[in-house]
Amino acid sequence: MKQGLVRLDNIWGVGGGIRPVKSLIRQIQLLLKEYLTSGDLAEAMRCVRELEVPHFHHELVYETVLLAVEAINSSVEEQLCTFLAELSRCVIVSPDQMDRVSLNAYVK
């Protein structure tokens, strides 16, 4: 039984399945705004890990892409691209999640 619970924690994150979606989206948006203000990539990665919601990382990528598309400033776009590259480099977000979000963002 314990092994099954550990697997669930690995998939959903500790407490990840019980937090409301709107709350998670709001936390992601605040995280991205803080990153854009501070420019501290290491802190942003720490905050992403602290959210403990690997099942929801596709939404993190989606919100980042949306913010980049809506950005007026090219330096904001560059910062967000750096953020996405770091998510991929640190294997926080899987290539499958990146691909799925890219396709959905293109369709919308």
PDB file of N, CA and C in Angstrom:
ATOM      1  N   MET A   1       0.826  -1.196   0.000  1.00  0.00           N
ATOM      2  CA  MET A   1       0.000   0.000   0.000  1.00  0.00           C
ATOM      3  C   MET A   1       0.867   1.254   0.000  1.00  0.00           C
ATOM      4  N   LYS A   2       1.928   1.247   0.826  1.00  0.00           N
ATOM      5  CA  LYS A   2       2.792   2.415   0.931  1.00  0.00           C
ATOM      6  C   LYS A   2       3.441   2.733  -0.414  1.00  0.00           C
ATOM      7  N   GLN A   3       3.842   1.693  -1.149  1.00  0.00           N
ATOM      8  CA  GLN A   3       4.468   1.890  -2.445  1.00  0.00           C
ATOM      9  C   GLN A   3       3.505   2.595  -3.407  1.00  0.00           C
ATOM     10  N   GLY A   4       2.243   2.248  -3.340  1.00  0.00           N
ATOM     11  CA  GLY A   4       1.236   2.895  -4.181  1.00  0.00           C
ATOM     12  C   GLY A   4       1.075   4.362  -3.843  1.00  0.00           C
ATOM     13  N   LEU A   5       1.123   4.702  -2.559  1.00  0.00           N
ATOM     14  CA  LEU A   5       1.011   6.105  -2.140  1.00  0.00           C
ATOM     15  C   LEU A   5       2.227   6.908  -2.580  1.00  0.00           C
ATOM     16  N   VAL A   6       3.402   6.296  -2.520  1.00  0.00           N
ATOM     17  CA  VAL A   6       4.612   6.978  -2.984  1.00  0.00           C
ATOM     18  C   VAL A   6       4.498   7.260  -4.475  1.00  0.00           C
ATOM     19  N   ARG A   7       3.990   6.301  -5.220  1.00  0.00           N
ATOM     20  CA  ARG A   7       3.806   6.502  -6.664  1.00  0.00           C
ATOM     21  C   ARG A   7       2.817   7.637  -6.927  1.00  0.00           C
ATOM     22  N   LEU A   8       1.730   7.692  -6.187  1.00  0.00           N
ATOM     23  CA  LEU A   8       0.764   8.781  -6.349  1.00  0.00           C
ATOM     24  C   LEU A   8       1.403  10.132  -6.049  1.00  0.00           C
ATOM     25  N   ASP A   9       2.226  10.197  -5.010  1.00  0.00           N
ATOM     26  CA  ASP A   9       2.922  11.445  -4.696  1.00  0.00           C
ATOM     27  C   ASP A   9       3.861  11.843  -5.824  1.00  0.00           C
ATOM     28  N   ASN A  10       4.514  10.861  -6.453  1.00  0.00           N
ATOM     29  CA  ASN A  10       5.407  11.160  -7.572  1.00  0.00           C
ATOM     30  C   ASN A  10       4.643  11.696  -8.770  1.00  0.00           C
ATOM     31  N   ILE A  11       3.458  11.198  -8.989  1.00  0.00           N
ATOM     32  CA  ILE A  11       2.666  11.624 -10.142  1.00  0.00           C
ATOM     33  C   ILE A  11       1.946  12.932  -9.863  1.00  0.00           C
ATOM     34  N   TRP A  12       1.235  13.000  -8.752  1.00  0.00           N
ATOM     35  CA  TRP A  12       0.392  14.160  -8.460  1.00  0.00           C
ATOM     36  C   TRP A  12       1.092  15.225  -7.641  1.00  0.00           C
ATOM     37  N   GLY A  13       2.163  14.877  -6.976  1.00  0.00           N
ATOM     38  CA  GLY A  13       2.791  15.805  -6.046  1.00  0.00           C
ATOM     39  C   GLY A  13       2.080  15.690  -4.711  1.00  0.00           C
ATOM     40  N   VAL A  14       2.751  16.083  -3.661  1.00  0.00           N
ATOM     41  CA  VAL A  14       2.167  15.986  -2.324  1.00  0.00           C
ATOM     42  C   VAL A  14       1.041  17.000  -2.207  1.00  0.00           C
ATOM     43  N   GLY A  15      -0.165  16.528  -2.079  1.00  0.00           N
ATOM     44  CA  GLY A  15      -1.315  17.425  -1.962  1.00  0.00           C
ATOM     45  C   GLY A  15      -1.733  18.052  -3.275  1.00  0.00           C
ATOM     46  N   GLY A  16      -1.101  17.655  -4.375  1.00  0.00           N
ATOM     47  CA  GLY A  16      -1.384  18.285  -5.662  1.00  0.00           C
ATOM     48  C   GLY A  16      -2.782  18.042  -6.178  1.00  0.00           C
ATOM     49  N   GLY A  17      -3.324  16.873  -5.912  1.00  0.00           N
ATOM     50  CA  GLY A  17      -4.633  16.542  -6.435  1.00  0.00           C
ATOM     51  C   GLY A  17      -5.790  17.187  -5.706  1.00  0.00           C
ATOM     52  N   ILE A  18      -5.524  17.808  -4.548  1.00  0.00           N
ATOM     53  CA  ILE A  18      -6.628  18.374  -3.771  1.00  0.00           C
ATOM     54  C   ILE A  18      -6.697  19.896  -3.839  1.00  0.00           C
ATOM     55  N   ARG A  19      -5.725  20.533  -4.495  1.00  0.00           N
ATOM     56  CA  ARG A  19      -5.766  21.994  -4.612  1.00  0.00           C
ATOM     57  C   ARG A  19      -6.631  22.386  -5.800  1.00  0.00           C
ATOM     58  N   PRO A  20      -7.422  23.443  -5.661  1.00  0.00           N
ATOM     59  CA  PRO A  20      -8.282  23.886  -6.763  1.00  0.00           C
ATOM     60  C   PRO A  20      -7.461  24.381  -7.959  1.00  0.00           C
ATOM     61  N   VAL A  21      -7.950  24.099  -9.147  1.00  0.00           N
ATOM     62  CA  VAL A  21      -7.266  24.470 -10.380  1.00  0.00           C
ATOM     63  C   VAL A  21      -7.063  25.980 -10.460  1.00  0.00           C
ATOM     64  N   LYS A  22      -8.078  26.751 -10.128  1.00  0.00           N
ATOM     65  CA  LYS A  22      -7.957  28.212 -10.206  1.00  0.00           C
ATOM     66  C   LYS A  22      -6.857  28.722  -9.286  1.00  0.00           C
ATOM     67  N   SER A  23      -6.719  28.101  -8.136  1.00  0.00           N
ATOM     68  CA  SER A  23      -5.667  28.489  -7.196  1.00  0.00           C
ATOM     69  C   SER A  23      -4.286  28.199  -7.781  1.00  0.00           C
ATOM     70  N   LEU A  24      -4.137  27.038  -8.408  1.00  0.00           N
ATOM     71  CA  LEU A  24      -2.861  26.687  -9.025  1.00  0.00           C
ATOM     72  C   LEU A  24      -2.520  27.627 -10.177  1.00  0.00           C
ATOM     73  N   ILE A  25      -3.509  27.962 -10.990  1.00  0.00           N
ATOM     74  CA  ILE A  25      -3.273  28.878 -12.108  1.00  0.00           C
ATOM     75  C   ILE A  25      -2.842  30.237 -11.582  1.00  0.00           C
ATOM     76  N   ARG A  26      -3.484  30.693 -10.537  1.00  0.00           N
ATOM     77  CA  ARG A  26      -3.124  31.989  -9.937  1.00  0.00           C
ATOM     78  C   ARG A  26      -1.699  31.956  -9.389  1.00  0.00           C
ATOM     79  N   GLN A  27      -1.319  30.860  -8.741  1.00  0.00           N
ATOM     80  CA  GLN A  27       0.042  30.729  -8.222  1.00  0.00           C
ATOM     81  C   GLN A  27       1.063  30.736  -9.359  1.00  0.00           C
ATOM     82  N   ILE A  28       0.736  30.084 -10.454  1.00  0.00           N
ATOM     83  CA  ILE A  28       1.627  30.063 -11.614  1.00  0.00           C
ATOM     84  C   ILE A  28       1.779  31.464 -12.191  1.00  0.00           C
ATOM     85  N   GLN A  29       0.680  32.178 -12.330  1.00  0.00           N
ATOM     86  CA  GLN A  29       0.738  33.541 -12.859  1.00  0.00           C
ATOM     87  C   GLN A  29       1.578  34.448 -11.966  1.00  0.00           C
ATOM     88  N   LEU A  30       1.414  34.327 -10.660  1.00  0.00           N
ATOM     89  CA  LEU A  30       2.212  35.124  -9.727  1.00  0.00           C
ATOM     90  C   LEU A  30       3.692  34.756  -9.806  1.00  0.00           C
ATOM     91  N   LEU A  31       3.971  33.474  -9.947  1.00  0.00           N
ATOM     92  CA  LEU A  31       5.348  33.014 -10.084  1.00  0.00           C
ATOM     93  C   LEU A  31       5.997  33.630 -11.321  1.00  0.00           C
ATOM     94  N   LEU A  32       5.277  33.618 -12.442  1.00  0.00           N
ATOM     95  CA  LEU A  32       5.815  34.177 -13.683  1.00  0.00           C
ATOM     96  C   LEU A  32       6.034  35.684 -13.572  1.00  0.00           C
ATOM     97  N   LYS A  33       5.105  36.382 -12.961  1.00  0.00           N
ATOM     98  CA  LYS A  33       5.257  37.835 -12.795  1.00  0.00           C
ATOM     99  C   LYS A  33       6.444  38.158 -11.889  1.00  0.00           C
ATOM    100  N   GLU A  34       6.609  37.370 -10.835  1.00  0.00           N
ATOM    101  CA  GLU A  34       7.750  37.581  -9.941  1.00  0.00           C
ATOM    102  C   GLU A  34       9.060  37.330 -10.681  1.00  0.00           C
ATOM    103  N   TYR A  35       9.089  36.282 -11.507  1.00  0.00           N
ATOM    104  CA  TYR A  35      10.293  35.991 -12.294  1.00  0.00           C
ATOM    105  C   TYR A  35      10.612  37.143 -13.239  1.00  0.00           C
ATOM    106  N   LEU A  36       9.599  37.670 -13.904  1.00  0.00           N
ATOM    107  CA  LEU A  36       9.829  38.779 -14.835  1.00  0.00           C
ATOM    108  C   LEU A  36      10.342  40.019 -14.108  1.00  0.00           C
ATOM    109  N   THR A  37       9.888  40.219 -12.894  1.00  0.00           N
ATOM    110  CA  THR A  37      10.322  41.377 -12.111  1.00  0.00           C
ATOM    111  C   THR A  37      11.748  41.200 -11.598  1.00  0.00           C
ATOM    112  N   SER A  38      12.030  40.022 -11.041  1.00  0.00           N
ATOM    113  CA  SER A  38      13.337  39.806 -10.409  1.00  0.00           C
ATOM    114  C   SER A  38      14.402  39.316 -11.388  1.00  0.00           C
ATOM    115  N   GLY A  39      13.983  38.513 -12.366  1.00  0.00           N
ATOM    116  CA  GLY A  39      14.940  37.930 -13.304  1.00  0.00           C
ATOM    117  C   GLY A  39      15.748  36.787 -12.700  1.00  0.00           C
ATOM    118  N   ASP A  40      15.366  36.333 -11.521  1.00  0.00           N
ATOM    119  CA  ASP A  40      16.092  35.277 -10.814  1.00  0.00           C
ATOM    120  C   ASP A  40      15.580  33.910 -11.262  1.00  0.00           C
ATOM    121  N   LEU A  41      16.293  33.306 -12.200  1.00  0.00           N
ATOM    122  CA  LEU A  41      15.875  32.034 -12.788  1.00  0.00           C
ATOM    123  C   LEU A  41      15.943  30.892 -11.772  1.00  0.00           C
ATOM    124  N   ALA A  42      16.981  30.874 -10.959  1.00  0.00           N
ATOM    125  CA  ALA A  42      17.124  29.808  -9.957  1.00  0.00           C
ATOM    126  C   ALA A  42      15.964  29.842  -8.961  1.00  0.00           C
ATOM    127  N   GLU A  43      15.579  31.033  -8.543  1.00  0.00           N
ATOM    128  CA  GLU A  43      14.450  31.175  -7.612  1.00  0.00           C
ATOM    129  C   GLU A  43      13.146  30.721  -8.271  1.00  0.00           C
ATOM    130  N   ALA A  44      12.978  31.047  -9.545  1.00  0.00           N
ATOM    131  CA  ALA A  44      11.770  30.631 -10.268  1.00  0.00           C
ATOM    132  C   ALA A  44      11.690  29.107 -10.352  1.00  0.00           C
ATOM    133  N   MET A  45      12.820  28.450 -10.627  1.00  0.00           N
ATOM    134  CA  MET A  45      12.833  26.988 -10.695  1.00  0.00           C
ATOM    135  C   MET A  45      12.527  26.386  -9.321  1.00  0.00           C
ATOM    136  N   ARG A  46      13.058  26.998  -8.271  1.00  0.00           N
ATOM    137  CA  ARG A  46      12.776  26.522  -6.918  1.00  0.00           C
ATOM    138  C   ARG A  46      11.283  26.629  -6.614  1.00  0.00           C
ATOM    139  N   CYS A  47      10.676  27.734  -7.028  1.00  0.00           N
ATOM    140  CA  CYS A  47       9.237  27.935  -6.788  1.00  0.00           C
ATOM    141  C   CYS A  47       8.394  26.930  -7.571  1.00  0.00           C
ATOM    142  N   VAL A  48       8.818  26.615  -8.786  1.00  0.00           N
ATOM    143  CA  VAL A  48       8.094  25.616  -9.589  1.00  0.00           C
ATOM    144  C   VAL A  48       8.142  24.263  -8.882  1.00  0.00           C
ATOM    145  N   ARG A  49       9.318  23.897  -8.404  1.00  0.00           N
ATOM    146  CA  ARG A  49       9.442  22.617  -7.685  1.00  0.00           C
ATOM    147  C   ARG A  49       8.611  22.623  -6.402  1.00  0.00           C
ATOM    148  N   GLU A  50       8.580  23.778  -5.742  1.00  0.00           N
ATOM    149  CA  GLU A  50       7.849  23.905  -4.485  1.00  0.00           C
ATOM    150  C   GLU A  50       6.335  23.750  -4.669  1.00  0.00           C
ATOM    151  N   LEU A  51       5.830  24.069  -5.861  1.00  0.00           N
ATOM    152  CA  LEU A  51       4.401  23.883  -6.127  1.00  0.00           C
ATOM    153  C   LEU A  51       3.999  22.416  -6.020  1.00  0.00           C
ATOM    154  N   GLU A  52       4.905  21.518  -6.366  1.00  0.00           N
ATOM    155  CA  GLU A  52       4.687  20.073  -6.285  1.00  0.00           C
ATOM    156  C   GLU A  52       3.454  19.614  -7.054  1.00  0.00           C
ATOM    157  N   VAL A  53       3.357  20.050  -8.297  1.00  0.00           N
ATOM    158  CA  VAL A  53       2.228  19.632  -9.132  1.00  0.00           C
ATOM    159  C   VAL A  53       2.719  19.230 -10.535  1.00  0.00           C
ATOM    160  N   PRO A  54       3.486  18.137 -10.633  1.00  0.00           N
ATOM    161  CA  PRO A  54       4.000  17.741 -11.948  1.00  0.00           C
ATOM    162  C   PRO A  54       2.899  17.448 -12.964  1.00  0.00           C
ATOM    163  N   HIS A  55       1.732  17.040 -12.486  1.00  0.00           N
ATOM    164  CA  HIS A  55       0.609  16.776 -13.386  1.00  0.00           C
ATOM    165  C   HIS A  55       0.071  18.064 -13.998  1.00  0.00           C
ATOM    166  N   PHE A  56       0.476  19.196 -13.489  1.00  0.00           N
ATOM    167  CA  PHE A  56      -0.062  20.484 -13.922  1.00  0.00           C
ATOM    168  C   PHE A  56       0.989  21.338 -14.629  1.00  0.00           C
ATOM    169  N   HIS A  57       2.157  20.779 -14.914  1.00  0.00           N
ATOM    170  CA  HIS A  57       3.219  21.552 -15.556  1.00  0.00           C
ATOM    171  C   HIS A  57       2.849  21.995 -16.966  1.00  0.00           C
ATOM    172  N   HIS A  58       1.948  21.273 -17.620  1.00  0.00           N
ATOM    173  CA  HIS A  58       1.506  21.719 -18.939  1.00  0.00           C
ATOM    174  C   HIS A  58       0.846  23.094 -18.837  1.00  0.00           C
ATOM    175  N   GLU A  59       0.155  23.358 -17.736  1.00  0.00           N
ATOM    176  CA  GLU A  59      -0.487  24.663 -17.542  1.00  0.00           C
ATOM    177  C   GLU A  59       0.563  25.748 -17.301  1.00  0.00           C
ATOM    178  N   LEU A  60       1.647  25.401 -16.639  1.00  0.00           N
ATOM    179  CA  LEU A  60       2.760  26.332 -16.446  1.00  0.00           C
ATOM    180  C   LEU A  60       3.334  26.745 -17.801  1.00  0.00           C
ATOM    181  N   VAL A  61       3.536  25.772 -18.667  1.00  0.00           N
ATOM    182  CA  VAL A  61       4.054  26.064 -20.008  1.00  0.00           C
ATOM    183  C   VAL A  61       3.043  26.900 -20.785  1.00  0.00           C
ATOM    184  N   TYR A  62       1.771  26.543 -20.703  1.00  0.00           N
ATOM    185  CA  TYR A  62       0.728  27.285 -21.419  1.00  0.00           C
ATOM    186  C   TYR A  62       0.685  28.744 -20.966  1.00  0.00           C
ATOM    187  N   GLU A  63       0.690  28.975 -19.666  1.00  0.00           N
ATOM    188  CA  GLU A  63       0.649  30.350 -19.143  1.00  0.00           C
ATOM    189  C   GLU A  63       1.891  31.130 -19.568  1.00  0.00           C
ATOM    190  N   THR A  64       3.037  30.462 -19.619  1.00  0.00           N
ATOM    191  CA  THR A  64       4.273  31.115 -20.048  1.00  0.00           C
ATOM    192  C   THR A  64       4.193  31.506 -21.518  1.00  0.00           C
ATOM    193  N   VAL A  65       3.723  30.590 -22.356  1.00  0.00           N
ATOM    194  CA  VAL A  65       3.580  30.877 -23.789  1.00  0.00           C
ATOM    195  C   VAL A  65       2.576  32.003 -23.996  1.00  0.00           C
ATOM    196  N   LEU A  66       1.472  31.963 -23.294  1.00  0.00           N
ATOM    197  CA  LEU A  66       0.451  33.001 -23.402  1.00  0.00           C
ATOM    198  C   LEU A  66       1.018  34.369 -23.017  1.00  0.00           C
ATOM    199  N   LEU A  67       1.763  34.421 -21.942  1.00  0.00           N
ATOM    200  CA  LEU A  67       2.376  35.669 -21.492  1.00  0.00           C
ATOM    201  C   LEU A  67       3.388  36.179 -22.519  1.00  0.00           C
ATOM    202  N   ALA A  68       4.142  35.275 -23.122  1.00  0.00           N
ATOM    203  CA  ALA A  68       5.127  35.667 -24.138  1.00  0.00           C
ATOM    204  C   ALA A  68       4.444  36.214 -25.385  1.00  0.00           C
ATOM    205  N   VAL A  69       3.353  35.599 -25.787  1.00  0.00           N
ATOM    206  CA  VAL A  69       2.620  36.057 -26.975  1.00  0.00           C
ATOM    207  C   VAL A  69       2.017  37.434 -26.728  1.00  0.00           C
ATOM    208  N   GLU A  70       1.528  37.657 -25.518  1.00  0.00           N
ATOM    209  CA  GLU A  70       0.898  38.933 -25.190  1.00  0.00           C
ATOM    210  C   GLU A  70       1.910  40.027 -24.851  1.00  0.00           C
ATOM    211  N   ALA A  71       3.169  39.649 -24.680  1.00  0.00           N
ATOM    212  CA  ALA A  71       4.194  40.621 -24.275  1.00  0.00           C
ATOM    213  C   ALA A  71       4.441  41.637 -25.385  1.00  0.00           C
ATOM    214  N   ILE A  72       4.575  42.877 -24.972  1.00  0.00           N
ATOM    215  CA  ILE A  72       4.868  43.954 -25.913  1.00  0.00           C
ATOM    216  C   ILE A  72       6.377  44.116 -26.049  1.00  0.00           C
ATOM    217  N   ASN A  73       7.076  43.809 -24.998  1.00  0.00           N
ATOM    218  CA  ASN A  73       8.506  44.030 -24.902  1.00  0.00           C
ATOM    219  C   ASN A  73       9.272  42.773 -25.323  1.00  0.00           C
ATOM    220  N   SER A  74      10.267  42.918 -26.183  1.00  0.00           N
ATOM    221  CA  SER A  74      11.027  41.752 -26.635  1.00  0.00           C
ATOM    222  C   SER A  74      11.898  41.172 -25.520  1.00  0.00           C
ATOM    223  N   SER A  75      12.301  41.989 -24.553  1.00  0.00           N
ATOM    224  CA  SER A  75      13.107  41.449 -23.447  1.00  0.00           C
ATOM    225  C   SER A  75      12.267  40.516 -22.571  1.00  0.00           C
ATOM    226  N   VAL A  76      10.969  40.802 -22.454  1.00  0.00           N
ATOM    227  CA  VAL A  76      10.065  39.908 -21.711  1.00  0.00           C
ATOM    228  C   VAL A  76       9.965  38.575 -22.444  1.00  0.00           C
ATOM    229  N   GLU A  77       9.841  38.627 -23.765  1.00  0.00           N
ATOM    230  CA  GLU A  77       9.784  37.398 -24.557  1.00  0.00           C
ATOM    231  C   GLU A  77      11.051  36.571 -24.357  1.00  0.00           C
ATOM    232  N   GLU A  78      12.206  37.236 -24.372  1.00  0.00           N
ATOM    233  CA  GLU A  78      13.477  36.535 -24.186  1.00  0.00           C
ATOM    234  C   GLU A  78      13.564  35.903 -22.800  1.00  0.00           C
ATOM    235  N   GLN A  79      13.115  36.633 -21.780  1.00  0.00           N
ATOM    236  CA  GLN A  79      13.121  36.093 -20.413  1.00  0.00           C
ATOM    237  C   GLN A  79      12.256  34.842 -20.317  1.00  0.00           C
ATOM    238  N   LEU A  80      11.086  34.896 -20.937  1.00  0.00           N
ATOM    239  CA  LEU A  80      10.171  33.756 -20.869  1.00  0.00           C
ATOM    240  C   LEU A  80      10.698  32.570 -21.670  1.00  0.00           C
ATOM    241  N   CYS A  81      11.363  32.833 -22.781  1.00  0.00           N
ATOM    242  CA  CYS A  81      11.989  31.745 -23.545  1.00  0.00           C
ATOM    243  C   CYS A  81      13.108  31.098 -22.733  1.00  0.00           C
ATOM    244  N   THR A  82      13.869  31.919 -22.021  1.00  0.00           N
ATOM    245  CA  THR A  82      14.915  31.400 -21.138  1.00  0.00           C
ATOM    246  C   THR A  82      14.302  30.540 -20.036  1.00  0.00           C
ATOM    247  N   PHE A  83      13.180  30.985 -19.503  1.00  0.00           N
ATOM    248  CA  PHE A  83      12.460  30.239 -18.466  1.00  0.00           C
ATOM    249  C   PHE A  83      12.033  28.871 -18.998  1.00  0.00           C
ATOM    250  N   LEU A  84      11.440  28.851 -20.192  1.00  0.00           N
ATOM    251  CA  LEU A  84      11.000  27.580 -20.784  1.00  0.00           C
ATOM    252  C   LEU A  84      12.183  26.662 -21.068  1.00  0.00           C
ATOM    253  N   ALA A  85      13.278  27.235 -21.563  1.00  0.00           N
ATOM    254  CA  ALA A  85      14.469  26.431 -21.843  1.00  0.00           C
ATOM    255  C   ALA A  85      15.019  25.806 -20.561  1.00  0.00           C
ATOM    256  N   GLU A  86      14.988  26.564 -19.472  1.00  0.00           N
ATOM    257  CA  GLU A  86      15.474  26.044 -18.187  1.00  0.00           C
ATOM    258  C   GLU A  86      14.552  24.947 -17.654  1.00  0.00           C
ATOM    259  N   LEU A  87      13.249  25.097 -17.835  1.00  0.00           N
ATOM    260  CA  LEU A  87      12.310  24.042 -17.434  1.00  0.00           C
ATOM    261  C   LEU A  87      12.635  22.743 -18.162  1.00  0.00           C
ATOM    262  N   SER A  88      12.944  22.862 -19.429  1.00  0.00           N
ATOM    263  CA  SER A  88      13.274  21.693 -20.234  1.00  0.00           C
ATOM    264  C   SER A  88      14.639  21.125 -19.837  1.00  0.00           C
ATOM    265  N   ARG A  89      15.622  22.008 -19.660  1.00  0.00           N
ATOM    266  CA  ARG A  89      16.980  21.574 -19.315  1.00  0.00           C
ATOM    267  C   ARG A  89      17.016  20.841 -17.972  1.00  0.00           C
ATOM    268  N   CYS A  90      16.257  21.327 -17.011  1.00  0.00           N
ATOM    269  CA  CYS A  90      16.208  20.717 -15.668  1.00  0.00           C
ATOM    270  C   CYS A  90      15.258  19.525 -15.611  1.00  0.00           C
ATOM    271  N   VAL A  91      14.631  19.196 -16.716  1.00  0.00           N
ATOM    272  CA  VAL A  91      13.668  18.104 -16.831  1.00  0.00           C
ATOM    273  C   VAL A  91      12.537  18.269 -15.814  1.00  0.00           C
ATOM    274  N   ILE A  92      12.122  19.507 -15.608  1.00  0.00           N
ATOM    275  CA  ILE A  92      10.952  19.780 -14.781  1.00  0.00           C
ATOM    276  C   ILE A  92       9.704  19.549 -15.621  1.00  0.00           C
ATOM    277  N   VAL A  93       9.791  19.928 -16.884  1.00  0.00           N
ATOM    278  CA  VAL A  93       8.691  19.731 -17.828  1.00  0.00           C
ATOM    279  C   VAL A  93       9.178  18.774 -18.905  1.00  0.00           C
ATOM    280  N   SER A  94       8.387  17.767 -19.192  1.00  0.00           N
ATOM    281  CA  SER A  94       8.779  16.763 -20.182  1.00  0.00           C
ATOM    282  C   SER A  94       8.598  17.310 -21.596  1.00  0.00           C
ATOM    283  N   PRO A  95       9.336  16.755 -22.554  1.00  0.00           N
ATOM    284  CA  PRO A  95       9.155  17.175 -23.951  1.00  0.00           C
ATOM    285  C   PRO A  95       7.714  16.975 -24.429  1.00  0.00           C
ATOM    286  N   ASP A  96       7.061  15.918 -23.940  1.00  0.00           N
ATOM    287  CA  ASP A  96       5.671  15.663 -24.313  1.00  0.00           C
ATOM    288  C   ASP A  96       4.759  16.796 -23.850  1.00  0.00           C
ATOM    289  N   GLN A  97       4.975  17.283 -22.627  1.00  0.00           N
ATOM    290  CA  GLN A  97       4.164  18.392 -22.119  1.00  0.00           C
ATOM    291  C   GLN A  97       4.408  19.653 -22.945  1.00  0.00           C
ATOM    292  N   MET A  98       5.658  19.898 -23.312  1.00  0.00           N
ATOM    293  CA  MET A  98       5.986  21.068 -24.142  1.00  0.00           C
ATOM    294  C   MET A  98       5.284  20.969 -25.497  1.00  0.00           C
ATOM    295  N   ASP A  99       5.360  19.793 -26.111  1.00  0.00           N
ATOM    296  CA  ASP A  99       4.739  19.603 -27.426  1.00  0.00           C
ATOM    297  C   ASP A  99       3.230  19.778 -27.367  1.00  0.00           C
ATOM    298  N   ARG A 100       2.613  19.195 -26.361  1.00  0.00           N
ATOM    299  CA  ARG A 100       1.159  19.265 -26.223  1.00  0.00           C
ATOM    300  C   ARG A 100       0.692  20.714 -26.068  1.00  0.00           C
ATOM    301  N   VAL A 101       1.406  21.462 -25.256  1.00  0.00           N
ATOM    302  CA  VAL A 101       1.032  22.859 -25.018  1.00  0.00           C
ATOM    303  C   VAL A 101       1.269  23.695 -26.261  1.00  0.00           C
ATOM    304  N   SER A 102       2.372  23.462 -26.941  1.00  0.00           N
ATOM    305  CA  SER A 102       2.666  24.220 -28.158  1.00  0.00           C
ATOM    306  C   SER A 102       1.566  24.021 -29.190  1.00  0.00           C
ATOM    307  N   LEU A 103       1.110  22.798 -29.341  1.00  0.00           N
ATOM    308  CA  LEU A 103       0.040  22.505 -30.287  1.00  0.00           C
ATOM    309  C   LEU A 103      -1.259  23.172 -29.860  1.00  0.00           C
ATOM    310  N   ASN A 104      -1.607  23.087 -28.573  1.00  0.00           N
ATOM    311  CA  ASN A 104      -2.836  23.711 -28.077  1.00  0.00           C
ATOM    312  C   ASN A 104      -2.794  25.224 -28.214  1.00  0.00           C
ATOM    313  N   ALA A 105      -1.657  25.833 -27.921  1.00  0.00           N
ATOM    314  CA  ALA A 105      -1.531  27.289 -28.031  1.00  0.00           C
ATOM    315  C   ALA A 105      -1.666  27.721 -29.487  1.00  0.00           C
ATOM    316  N   TYR A 106      -1.125  26.914 -30.399  1.00  0.00           N
ATOM    317  CA  TYR A 106      -1.215  27.237 -31.819  1.00  0.00           C
ATOM    318  C   TYR A 106      -2.663  27.158 -32.302  1.00  0.00           C
ATOM    319  N   VAL A 107      -3.384  26.145 -31.857  1.00  0.00           N
ATOM    320  CA  VAL A 107      -4.778  25.952 -32.268  1.00  0.00           C
ATOM    321  C   VAL A 107      -5.657  27.084 -31.749  1.00  0.00           C
ATOM    322  N   LYS A 108      -5.433  27.506 -30.496  1.00  0.00           N
ATOM    323  CA  LYS A 108      -6.257  28.562 -29.898  1.00  0.00           C
ATOM    324  C   LYS A 108      -5.882  29.889 -30.484  1.00  0.00           C
TER     325      LYS A 108
END
